[in-house]
Amino acid sequence: MNKGHNQPFQGQELMTMKARANYQRNRSHGQYVSNPVLQQQDILQVQENIFAQPPVAPHAFAPPGAVAPPTATYGRGGDSVTPMDPQNSLPATWGREDVWCSHRTIEDGSRVLARSNRTGEARFVDGPARPFLYRSTIVYVRQYTASTTTYLVVSYRSGEIKHIMGPTQLWFDPLTMSSVKVMPVVRLNSNEALVMFSSPDGEDGAGEDVQRRIIYGPTAMMPAHNEWIETFSWGGEGGATFSRLRLVPEEFSVEIENARTTDDATLKLNFALVFRLVDIERMCDETADPVADVTSAIAADVLAFVSKMSFEEFKAFTENLNNTDSFPNLVRRAEASGFQIMNIAFRGYSGTSTMQGLQERGFERRKQLELETETESQKQELLAFKQRAELERSNERREMELAEKNHVMELAILEQEKQAKIKATAARIELEARQAEMAAEEEHARNMLALRTDYLRTLASDLSVDLTKVLVAQAAISPDSFIKVDLGDNPEGTVHLHASPTPSSQTRR
């Protein structure tokens, strides 16, 4: 009892090993296998390679045909995918047991395959159950579960392969199935795409019936059983291997060695290129390794213009190495392959040790001359600074003296204006006083005239006095003027007077 416990079906394992051996042998001899079982295993193997790419390290590439093989570093890692499901590492069957005559308990959620050793018939028993078994062999089978992000790849013994999208559950059937694997769905971001090939059911996958289509993200999909995804390898041996094509700008560096000028200067030039994939169909038709093609093109452009220049001319030309117009072969080859060169950056150059020594000594001499020139320039600048400072001080002194004179003149003008204001104020006050005095006199005269008028009116009305006589009598009593004539020592002299009436004599009383 319990003989052969935990051993898988030997027939199934043996068949799988033979199929894989035949497949590898035929592939190594360059033959195409038309066996449907091996064909589907080929598709499955391709999908496994796509979904489990190892990380890719920076690499060096040397395309053939160049005078000095350039080196391209395409810094892209492997595809980022969902890790393989741990169910794939577990056996599809386990717990094999030979039962002579007894009951066996099958737990809930379990399934066993019970095979009669007398008749060879087999049946599945689902738990919970406790069947009676007689001269039978039982083996537990595994239930595979696929979530919404995975799917099941079911390989049948007939050679048929089915893909079942999750969420779902499937019991392994050792009688009809050879294997079941849980695979992650293909996920693409918005800036990614992949190339999918498909062949009609029943075809061998070769000839004109194979179709190619481009799938763009964002999406999540499950490849059909007759579809496989193209795998790209850019950068030569040891380069990047991937299935997802990036539609965003990418960068890689190129190093061109042994570029020789007309004066036999050997240079090593470093570039950084930024490119973007714009036409996937053209890329698939025109090139298998665009990184190698672009590297060869830029090497041809560099060798073309460097071989026509001296070293000094090259140093003057380096500012043009950041312009794509200087690389016609590169731009033409990239466009023919479905790529766009967005930018190229020249990262410098280096030469041989002898040339480096010459350049360093020349650099030291230039620096010495620059230092001497700078020292002399500083001396001249110091002398000019002193002269400017002296001139500025002289100008400041003149400006201060002129400001002092202007200040004295301003004070004198202010004093004159002050005196003029004082005089004007005194004259205005005197004028106002005289005007007030005259106004007071006029007011007094008007008051006196009013009083006299009232007095005369009283005499005329109350006393019936003749005003004419009164006025004449008053005028006789009060002469208008007095004239004194002094004849001195000549009393006999004659005096003639002629007086005309004046306003004052008419108004005085």
Protein backbone atom coordinates (compact mmCIF):
# COMPACT_ATOMS: atom_id res chain seq x y z
CA MET A 1 0.00 0.00 0.00
CA ASN A 2 0.97 3.60 -0.65
CA LYS A 3 3.47 2.32 -3.19
CA GLY A 4 4.59 5.02 -5.58
CA HIS A 5 3.22 7.79 -3.38
CA ASN A 6 3.59 11.36 -4.79
CA GLN A 7 4.80 10.14 -8.20
CA PRO A 8 3.38 11.64 -11.47
CA PHE A 9 2.15 9.58 -14.40
CA GLN A 10 5.27 8.13 -16.00
CA GLY A 11 3.68 7.88 -19.46
CA GLN A 12 2.79 11.55 -19.57
CA GLU A 13 6.28 12.71 -18.52
CA LEU A 14 7.95 10.36 -21.00
CA MET A 15 5.79 11.62 -23.89
CA THR A 16 6.54 15.24 -23.04
CA MET A 17 10.31 14.62 -22.87
CA LYS A 18 10.29 12.85 -26.26
CA ALA A 19 8.31 15.63 -27.91
CA ARG A 20 10.68 18.30 -26.59
CA ALA A 21 13.74 16.34 -27.68
CA ASN A 22 12.38 15.92 -31.23
CA TYR A 23 11.48 19.61 -31.36
CA GLN A 24 14.94 20.77 -30.25
CA ARG A 25 16.66 18.33 -32.63
CA ASN A 26 14.64 19.48 -35.64
CA ARG A 27 15.09 23.17 -34.73
CA SER A 28 18.88 22.74 -34.43
CA HIS A 29 19.02 21.28 -37.97
CA GLY A 30 17.03 24.19 -39.45
CA GLN A 31 13.95 22.04 -40.21
CA TYR A 32 10.37 23.15 -39.75
CA VAL A 33 8.21 20.70 -37.83
CA SER A 34 4.74 20.24 -39.24
CA ASN A 35 3.55 18.11 -36.33
CA PRO A 36 0.59 20.00 -34.76
CA VAL A 37 1.69 19.07 -31.24
CA LEU A 38 5.16 20.44 -31.74
CA GLN A 39 3.80 23.48 -33.57
CA GLN A 40 1.63 24.45 -30.61
CA GLN A 41 4.52 23.81 -28.23
CA ASP A 42 6.56 26.20 -30.39
CA ILE A 43 3.89 28.87 -29.96
CA LEU A 44 3.78 28.24 -26.23
CA GLN A 45 7.56 28.42 -25.99
CA VAL A 46 7.58 31.76 -27.82
CA GLN A 47 4.99 33.16 -25.42
CA GLU A 48 7.02 31.97 -22.44
CA ASN A 49 10.08 33.74 -23.80
CA ILE A 50 8.11 36.96 -24.27
CA PHE A 51 6.53 37.00 -20.84
CA ALA A 52 9.71 36.18 -18.90
CA GLN A 53 12.47 38.31 -20.39
CA PRO A 54 15.55 38.75 -18.14
CA PRO A 55 16.90 42.24 -17.58
CA VAL A 56 19.26 43.41 -20.30
CA ALA A 57 22.52 45.10 -19.40
CA PRO A 58 24.19 47.80 -21.52
CA HIS A 59 26.06 46.25 -24.39
CA ALA A 60 28.61 47.04 -27.07
CA PHE A 61 27.83 46.57 -30.73
CA ALA A 62 30.22 46.54 -33.68
CA PRO A 63 28.50 46.41 -37.10
CA PRO A 64 30.55 45.01 -39.99
CA GLY A 65 31.81 47.08 -42.91
CA ALA A 66 33.06 50.16 -41.00
CA VAL A 67 36.65 51.29 -41.12
CA ALA A 68 36.65 51.69 -37.37
CA PRO A 69 33.87 49.58 -35.76
CA PRO A 70 31.64 51.93 -33.73
CA THR A 71 30.18 51.00 -30.41
CA ALA A 72 26.49 51.60 -29.60
CA THR A 73 25.01 51.43 -26.13
CA TYR A 74 21.24 50.95 -26.23
CA GLY A 75 20.25 51.30 -22.56
CA ARG A 76 16.95 49.42 -22.57
CA GLY A 77 16.00 46.69 -20.14
CA GLY A 78 13.67 43.77 -20.63
CA ASP A 79 9.90 44.01 -20.82
CA SER A 80 8.07 44.74 -17.60
CA VAL A 81 5.51 41.93 -17.23
CA THR A 82 3.51 40.19 -14.56
CA PRO A 83 5.55 37.46 -12.80
CA MET A 84 4.78 33.88 -13.73
CA ASP A 85 1.97 32.32 -11.73
CA PRO A 86 3.22 30.03 -8.93
CA GLN A 87 0.67 27.40 -10.01
CA ASN A 88 2.91 26.61 -12.99
CA SER A 89 5.66 25.31 -10.70
CA LEU A 90 3.33 22.78 -9.02
CA PRO A 91 2.72 19.27 -10.44
CA ALA A 92 -0.58 18.71 -12.22
CA THR A 93 -1.07 15.39 -10.36
CA TRP A 94 0.23 14.09 -7.08
CA GLY A 95 -0.54 11.67 -4.28
CA ARG A 96 -0.60 8.47 -6.36
CA GLU A 97 -1.82 5.53 -4.28
CA ASP A 98 -2.66 1.85 -4.96
CA VAL A 99 -5.79 0.68 -3.12
CA TRP A 100 -6.51 -3.05 -2.75
CA CYS A 101 -9.88 -3.07 -1.07
CA SER A 102 -10.98 -0.24 1.19
CA HIS A 103 -12.68 3.13 1.44
CA ARG A 104 -10.89 6.40 0.78
CA THR A 105 -11.97 9.85 2.00
CA ILE A 106 -11.93 12.62 -0.60
CA GLU A 107 -11.97 16.02 1.07
CA ASP A 108 -14.19 18.87 -0.02
CA GLY A 109 -12.69 20.86 -2.87
CA SER A 110 -10.53 17.97 -4.09
CA ARG A 111 -10.75 15.66 -7.08
CA VAL A 112 -9.12 12.28 -7.68
CA LEU A 113 -8.84 10.08 -10.73
CA ALA A 114 -9.61 6.49 -9.82
CA ARG A 115 -8.47 3.84 -12.33
CA SER A 116 -9.48 0.19 -12.04
CA ASN A 117 -6.50 -2.12 -12.37
CA ARG A 118 -8.77 -4.95 -13.60
CA THR A 119 -10.71 -3.21 -16.40
CA GLY A 120 -8.55 -0.09 -16.99
CA GLU A 121 -11.57 2.18 -16.70
CA ALA A 122 -11.04 5.54 -15.02
CA ARG A 123 -13.45 7.91 -13.33
CA PHE A 124 -13.25 11.20 -11.46
CA VAL A 125 -14.43 11.45 -7.88
CA ASP A 126 -15.16 14.94 -6.45
CA GLY A 127 -15.07 15.56 -2.72
CA PRO A 128 -16.54 15.43 -0.24
CA ALA A 129 -16.89 11.70 -0.83
CA ARG A 130 -15.82 8.32 0.61
CA PRO A 131 -15.89 5.79 -2.25
CA PHE A 132 -15.18 2.09 -1.96
CA LEU A 133 -12.26 1.09 -4.15
CA TYR A 134 -11.17 -2.37 -5.17
CA ARG A 135 -7.83 -3.02 -6.85
CA SER A 136 -7.60 0.58 -8.04
CA THR A 137 -5.04 3.32 -8.38
CA ILE A 138 -5.98 6.87 -7.40
CA VAL A 139 -4.18 10.11 -8.08
CA TYR A 140 -5.10 13.63 -7.05
CA VAL A 141 -5.50 16.22 -9.83
CA ARG A 142 -4.96 19.94 -9.52
CA GLN A 143 -7.50 22.68 -10.11
CA TYR A 144 -6.06 25.71 -11.98
CA THR A 145 -7.47 29.19 -11.33
CA ALA A 146 -7.17 32.17 -13.67
CA SER A 147 -8.01 35.67 -12.47
CA THR A 148 -9.09 38.65 -14.58
CA THR A 149 -5.43 39.37 -15.42
CA THR A 150 -4.45 35.80 -16.41
CA TYR A 151 -5.57 33.08 -18.75
CA LEU A 152 -5.15 29.30 -19.04
CA VAL A 153 -3.12 27.60 -21.76
CA VAL A 154 -4.46 24.04 -22.03
CA SER A 155 -2.44 21.54 -24.08
CA TYR A 156 -4.28 18.36 -25.05
CA ARG A 157 -2.75 15.00 -25.89
CA SER A 158 -4.28 15.27 -29.36
CA GLY A 159 -2.03 18.26 -30.05
CA GLU A 160 -4.77 20.84 -29.68
CA ILE A 161 -4.10 23.92 -27.60
CA LYS A 162 -6.78 26.18 -26.12
CA HIS A 163 -6.56 29.53 -24.41
CA ILE A 164 -9.22 30.22 -21.79
CA MET A 165 -9.57 33.77 -20.48
CA GLY A 166 -10.09 34.31 -16.77
CA PRO A 167 -11.74 34.51 -14.39
CA THR A 168 -12.24 30.75 -14.53
CA GLN A 169 -11.31 27.45 -12.92
CA LEU A 170 -10.30 24.21 -14.63
CA TRP A 171 -9.56 20.73 -13.30
CA PHE A 172 -6.60 19.02 -14.89
CA ASP A 173 -7.62 15.92 -16.86
CA PRO A 174 -4.68 13.50 -17.20
CA LEU A 175 -6.65 11.47 -19.71
CA THR A 176 -6.98 14.22 -22.32
CA MET A 177 -4.58 16.97 -21.23
CA SER A 178 -0.82 17.06 -21.28
CA SER A 179 -0.38 20.34 -19.39
CA VAL A 180 -2.14 23.45 -18.11
CA LYS A 181 -0.36 26.71 -17.51
CA VAL A 182 -1.52 30.03 -16.06
CA MET A 183 -0.19 32.93 -18.16
CA PRO A 184 -0.53 36.69 -17.59
CA VAL A 185 -2.44 38.68 -20.17
CA VAL A 186 -0.43 40.96 -22.42
CA ARG A 187 -0.62 44.48 -21.06
CA LEU A 188 0.38 47.52 -23.09
CA ASN A 189 0.73 51.09 -21.87
CA SER A 190 -0.43 54.05 -23.93
CA ASN A 191 3.07 54.51 -25.39
CA GLU A 192 3.67 50.87 -26.31
CA ALA A 193 2.82 48.52 -29.18
CA LEU A 194 3.61 44.99 -30.25
CA VAL A 195 3.65 42.98 -33.46
CA MET A 196 1.32 39.97 -33.52
CA PHE A 197 1.41 37.13 -36.10
CA SER A 198 -1.41 34.66 -36.66
CA SER A 199 -2.06 31.68 -38.91
CA PRO A 200 -5.43 30.09 -39.77
CA ASP A 201 -6.50 27.02 -37.86
CA GLY A 202 -5.22 23.84 -39.49
CA GLU A 203 -2.33 25.59 -41.30
CA ASP A 204 1.31 24.94 -40.56
CA GLY A 205 2.05 28.61 -39.89
CA ALA A 206 4.11 29.15 -43.03
CA GLY A 207 3.50 30.78 -46.40
CA GLU A 208 1.21 33.63 -47.37
CA ASP A 209 -1.52 32.64 -44.92
CA VAL A 210 0.42 34.09 -41.97
CA GLN A 211 -0.88 37.57 -41.14
CA ARG A 212 0.76 40.37 -39.21
CA ARG A 213 -0.99 43.08 -37.25
CA ILE A 214 0.06 45.90 -34.97
CA ILE A 215 -1.55 46.21 -31.54
CA TYR A 216 -1.32 49.59 -29.81
CA GLY A 217 -1.82 50.35 -26.12
CA PRO A 218 -3.35 50.96 -23.75
CA THR A 219 -4.87 47.50 -23.78
CA ALA A 220 -4.83 44.11 -22.12
CA MET A 221 -5.29 41.08 -24.35
CA MET A 222 -4.98 37.33 -24.49
CA PRO A 223 -3.22 35.85 -27.55
CA ALA A 224 -5.20 33.19 -29.36
CA HIS A 225 -3.82 29.67 -29.69
CA ASN A 226 -2.78 30.35 -33.29
CA GLU A 227 -1.07 33.70 -32.54
CA TRP A 228 2.43 34.54 -31.47
CA ILE A 229 4.20 37.78 -30.63
CA GLU A 230 7.28 38.98 -32.49
CA THR A 231 10.44 39.24 -30.42
CA PHE A 232 13.00 41.91 -31.33
CA SER A 233 16.72 41.88 -30.65
CA TRP A 234 18.45 45.24 -31.16
CA GLY A 235 22.11 45.94 -30.67
CA GLY A 236 23.65 42.68 -31.84
CA GLU A 237 24.99 39.96 -29.59
CA GLY A 238 24.27 40.71 -25.96
CA GLY A 239 21.84 43.46 -26.94
CA ALA A 240 18.32 44.18 -25.79
CA THR A 241 15.67 41.52 -26.45
CA PHE A 242 12.05 42.55 -26.04
CA SER A 243 8.58 42.33 -27.56
CA ARG A 244 7.07 45.66 -26.58
CA LEU A 245 7.90 48.55 -28.90
CA ARG A 246 8.12 51.94 -27.27
CA LEU A 247 6.53 54.83 -29.16
CA VAL A 248 8.17 57.52 -27.03
CA PRO A 249 11.60 59.04 -27.69
CA GLU A 250 14.51 56.82 -26.64
CA GLU A 251 18.21 57.53 -26.29
CA PHE A 252 21.34 55.52 -26.93
CA SER A 253 25.02 56.43 -27.17
CA VAL A 254 27.45 55.75 -30.01
CA GLU A 255 31.24 55.74 -29.86
CA ILE A 256 33.19 56.11 -33.14
CA GLU A 257 36.85 55.06 -32.91
CA ASN A 258 39.86 55.51 -35.21
CA ALA A 259 38.48 58.51 -37.09
CA ARG A 260 41.56 59.93 -38.86
CA THR A 261 41.97 63.54 -40.03
CA THR A 262 44.04 64.74 -43.00
CA ASP A 263 47.02 65.44 -40.70
CA ASP A 264 46.88 61.85 -39.31
CA ALA A 265 45.24 62.69 -36.01
CA THR A 266 43.35 59.64 -34.71
CA LEU A 267 40.18 60.53 -32.79
CA LYS A 268 37.48 58.79 -30.82
CA LEU A 269 34.11 60.58 -30.92
CA ASN A 270 31.14 60.09 -28.61
CA PHE A 271 27.52 60.86 -29.56
CA ALA A 272 24.11 60.55 -27.92
CA LEU A 273 21.09 60.06 -30.19
CA VAL A 274 17.42 60.57 -29.38
CA PHE A 275 15.11 58.74 -31.80
CA ARG A 276 11.44 57.80 -31.95
CA LEU A 277 9.65 54.96 -33.73
CA VAL A 278 7.00 56.44 -36.06
CA ASP A 279 6.23 53.65 -38.57
CA ILE A 280 6.18 50.09 -37.19
CA GLU A 281 5.17 48.51 -40.50
CA ARG A 282 8.13 50.04 -42.30
CA MET A 283 10.48 49.08 -39.47
CA CYS A 284 9.37 45.44 -39.69
CA ASP A 285 9.78 45.41 -43.49
CA GLU A 286 13.08 47.28 -43.78
CA THR A 287 15.29 46.30 -40.87
CA ALA A 288 15.90 43.63 -38.28
CA ASP A 289 18.20 45.74 -36.10
CA PRO A 290 17.63 49.51 -36.39
CA VAL A 291 20.22 50.25 -33.72
CA ALA A 292 22.91 48.60 -35.84
CA ASP A 293 21.70 50.43 -38.96
CA VAL A 294 21.70 53.82 -37.25
CA THR A 295 25.13 53.17 -35.76
CA SER A 296 26.58 52.26 -39.15
CA ALA A 297 25.01 55.35 -40.74
CA ILE A 298 26.41 57.77 -38.18
CA ALA A 299 29.83 56.09 -38.46
CA ALA A 300 29.75 56.65 -42.24
CA ASP A 301 28.85 60.33 -41.79
CA VAL A 302 31.56 60.91 -39.19
CA LEU A 303 34.29 59.22 -41.23
CA ALA A 304 33.18 61.15 -44.32
CA PHE A 305 33.67 64.65 -42.91
CA VAL A 306 36.56 63.89 -40.54
CA SER A 307 38.69 62.44 -43.36
CA LYS A 308 38.47 65.78 -45.21
CA MET A 309 39.56 68.02 -42.31
CA SER A 310 42.68 68.76 -40.37
CA PHE A 311 42.59 68.53 -36.61
CA GLU A 312 42.30 72.31 -36.21
CA GLU A 313 39.49 72.42 -38.77
CA PHE A 314 37.75 69.61 -36.93
CA LYS A 315 37.91 71.51 -33.63
CA ALA A 316 36.32 74.51 -35.34
CA PHE A 317 33.68 72.22 -36.86
CA THR A 318 32.63 70.53 -33.60
CA GLU A 319 29.85 73.07 -32.97
CA ASN A 320 28.09 71.67 -36.07
CA LEU A 321 28.10 68.12 -34.67
CA ASN A 322 24.98 68.88 -32.62
CA ASN A 323 22.96 69.47 -35.79
CA THR A 324 21.25 66.65 -37.68
CA ASP A 325 22.03 68.42 -40.98
CA SER A 326 25.62 67.23 -40.59
CA PHE A 327 24.48 63.57 -40.72
CA PRO A 328 22.58 63.01 -43.99
CA ASN A 329 23.16 59.24 -44.05
CA LEU A 330 21.86 58.92 -40.51
CA VAL A 331 18.66 60.87 -41.20
CA ARG A 332 18.03 59.06 -44.50
CA ARG A 333 18.58 55.59 -43.03
CA ALA A 334 16.40 56.35 -39.98
CA GLU A 335 13.52 57.58 -42.13
CA ALA A 336 13.80 54.51 -44.37
CA SER A 337 13.54 52.28 -41.28
CA GLY A 338 10.49 54.07 -39.84
CA PHE A 339 12.36 56.14 -37.23
CA GLN A 340 12.72 59.84 -36.63
CA ILE A 341 16.01 61.31 -35.36
CA MET A 342 14.86 63.97 -32.92
CA ASN A 343 18.20 65.11 -31.57
CA ILE A 344 21.90 64.31 -31.71
CA ALA A 345 24.36 65.51 -29.09
CA PHE A 346 28.13 65.52 -29.47
CA ARG A 347 29.69 64.49 -26.14
CA GLY A 348 33.31 65.20 -26.94
CA TYR A 349 36.31 63.49 -28.45
CA SER A 350 39.63 61.99 -27.37
CA GLY A 351 42.84 61.08 -29.19
CA THR A 352 45.99 58.99 -28.78
CA SER A 353 48.36 59.44 -25.86
CA THR A 354 50.88 61.35 -28.04
CA MET A 355 48.18 63.62 -29.34
CA GLN A 356 46.83 64.08 -25.86
CA GLY A 357 50.32 65.12 -24.69
CA LEU A 358 50.64 67.65 -27.51
CA GLN A 359 47.22 69.00 -26.76
CA GLU A 360 48.03 69.28 -23.07
CA ARG A 361 51.28 71.14 -23.74
CA GLY A 362 49.53 73.40 -26.21
CA PHE A 363 46.83 73.93 -23.66
CA GLU A 364 49.43 74.85 -21.02
CA ARG A 365 51.07 77.36 -23.38
CA ARG A 366 47.74 78.90 -24.23
CA LYS A 367 46.86 79.11 -20.57
CA GLN A 368 50.24 80.77 -19.81
CA LEU A 369 49.65 83.33 -22.55
CA GLU A 370 46.13 83.87 -21.32
CA LEU A 371 47.49 84.36 -17.79
CA GLU A 372 50.08 86.90 -18.94
CA THR A 373 47.48 88.68 -21.04
CA GLU A 374 45.11 88.73 -18.12
CA THR A 375 47.85 90.06 -15.79
CA GLU A 376 48.75 92.89 -18.17
CA SER A 377 45.10 93.62 -18.72
CA GLN A 378 44.61 93.85 -14.97
CA LYS A 379 47.53 96.29 -14.69
CA GLN A 380 46.09 98.49 -17.41
CA GLU A 381 42.71 98.29 -15.81
CA LEU A 382 44.20 99.30 -12.44
CA LEU A 383 45.97 102.32 -14.01
CA ALA A 384 42.82 103.31 -15.85
CA PHE A 385 40.92 102.90 -12.60
CA LYS A 386 43.29 105.25 -10.77
CA GLN A 387 43.00 107.83 -13.53
CA ARG A 388 39.26 107.57 -13.52
CA ALA A 389 39.22 107.90 -9.73
CA GLU A 390 41.43 111.05 -9.87
CA LEU A 391 39.26 112.55 -12.57
CA GLU A 392 36.16 111.75 -10.58
CA ARG A 393 37.67 113.42 -7.46
CA SER A 394 38.52 116.55 -9.52
CA ASN A 395 35.03 116.64 -10.89
CA GLU A 396 33.64 116.22 -7.40
CA ARG A 397 35.74 119.13 -6.10
CA ARG A 398 34.59 121.36 -8.96
CA GLU A 399 31.04 120.33 -8.39
CA MET A 400 31.37 121.08 -4.66
CA GLU A 401 32.84 124.55 -5.31
CA LEU A 402 30.16 125.29 -7.85
CA ALA A 403 27.53 124.07 -5.44
CA GLU A 404 28.96 126.31 -2.69
CA LYS A 405 28.88 129.39 -4.96
CA ASN A 406 25.39 128.58 -6.05
CA HIS A 407 24.42 128.23 -2.42
CA VAL A 408 25.83 131.70 -1.57
CA MET A 409 24.02 133.18 -4.54
CA GLU A 410 20.83 131.50 -3.54
CA LEU A 411 21.18 132.87 0.01
CA ALA A 412 21.71 136.38 -1.35
CA ILE A 413 18.72 136.07 -3.61
CA LEU A 414 16.67 134.81 -0.73
CA GLU A 415 17.81 137.76 1.43
CA GLN A 416 16.88 140.22 -1.31
CA GLU A 417 13.54 138.58 -1.73
CA LYS A 418 13.06 138.75 2.01
CA GLN A 419 13.89 142.49 2.17
CA ALA A 420 11.63 143.17 -0.81
CA LYS A 421 8.84 141.33 0.91
CA ILE A 422 9.42 143.33 4.13
CA LYS A 423 9.35 146.65 2.23
CA ALA A 424 6.29 145.63 0.29
CA THR A 425 4.61 144.65 3.53
CA ALA A 426 5.49 147.98 5.21
CA ALA A 427 4.28 149.96 2.19
CA ARG A 428 1.09 147.97 2.11
CA ILE A 429 0.56 148.59 5.83
CA GLU A 430 1.24 152.36 5.44
CA LEU A 431 -1.08 152.56 2.45
CA GLU A 432 -3.77 150.74 4.34
CA ALA A 433 -3.29 153.10 7.31
CA ARG A 434 -3.55 156.21 5.10
CA GLN A 435 -6.55 154.74 3.34
CA ALA A 436 -8.14 154.09 6.73
CA GLU A 437 -7.30 157.63 7.87
CA MET A 438 -8.75 159.18 4.72
CA ALA A 439 -11.80 157.01 5.06
CA ALA A 440 -12.16 158.19 8.66
CA GLU A 441 -11.81 161.85 7.61
CA GLU A 442 -14.35 161.41 4.85
CA GLU A 443 -16.68 159.72 7.28
CA HIS A 444 -16.18 162.57 9.78
CA ALA A 445 -16.81 165.16 7.05
CA ARG A 446 -19.97 163.35 6.01
CA ASN A 447 -21.10 163.23 9.64
CA MET A 448 -20.38 166.92 10.16
CA LEU A 449 -22.17 167.79 6.92
CA ALA A 450 -25.14 165.74 8.06
CA LEU A 451 -25.18 167.48 11.43
CA ARG A 452 -24.99 170.96 9.80
CA THR A 453 -27.69 170.03 7.36
CA ASP A 454 -29.90 168.92 10.22
CA TYR A 455 -29.04 172.11 12.06
CA LEU A 456 -29.95 174.34 9.13
CA ARG A 457 -33.06 172.36 8.43
CA THR A 458 -34.08 172.87 12.10
CA LEU A 459 -33.45 176.60 11.82
CA ALA A 460 -35.50 176.86 8.69
CA SER A 461 -38.39 174.74 9.81
CA ASP A 462 -38.68 175.34 13.50
CA LEU A 463 -37.40 178.90 13.86
CA SER A 464 -38.27 180.24 10.41
CA VAL A 465 -34.77 181.61 9.94
CA ASP A 466 -33.61 182.87 6.55
CA LEU A 467 -30.83 180.44 5.73
CA THR A 468 -29.42 182.69 3.01
CA LYS A 469 -28.62 185.42 5.45
CA VAL A 470 -27.16 182.92 7.90
CA LEU A 471 -24.88 181.43 5.29
CA VAL A 472 -23.74 184.82 4.01
CA ALA A 473 -23.00 186.03 7.52
CA GLN A 474 -20.98 182.90 8.28
CA ALA A 475 -19.06 183.27 5.06
CA ALA A 476 -18.17 186.86 5.89
CA ILE A 477 -16.98 185.88 9.31
CA SER A 478 -14.81 183.06 8.01
CA PRO A 479 -12.71 184.26 5.07
CA ASP A 480 -11.36 181.68 2.71
CA SER A 481 -7.75 182.77 3.07
CA PHE A 482 -5.52 185.33 4.71
CA ILE A 483 -2.84 187.13 2.78
CA LYS A 484 -0.09 189.02 4.56
CA VAL A 485 1.77 191.67 2.57
CA ASP A 486 5.10 192.80 3.99
CA LEU A 487 6.49 195.78 2.11
CA GLY A 488 9.57 195.82 4.19
CA ASP A 489 11.56 199.05 3.91
CA ASN A 490 9.42 200.38 1.00
CA PRO A 491 6.04 201.30 2.44
CA GLU A 492 5.10 203.14 -0.68
CA GLY A 493 5.12 200.17 -2.96
CA THR A 494 2.09 199.01 -4.84
CA VAL A 495 0.72 195.47 -4.55
CA HIS A 496 -1.57 193.76 -7.12
CA LEU A 497 -3.39 190.53 -6.18
CA HIS A 498 -5.37 188.25 -8.39
CA ALA A 499 -6.91 185.17 -6.79
CA SER A 500 -9.03 182.60 -8.51
CA PRO A 501 -11.44 180.48 -6.45
CA THR A 502 -10.22 176.97 -5.53
CA PRO A 503 -12.23 173.95 -4.47
CA SER A 504 -10.79 174.13 -0.98
CA SER A 505 -11.79 177.77 -0.58
CA GLN A 506 -15.32 176.94 -1.66
CA THR A 507 -15.74 174.15 0.84
CA ARG A 508 -13.94 175.63 3.85
CA ARG A 509 -15.96 177.32 6.43
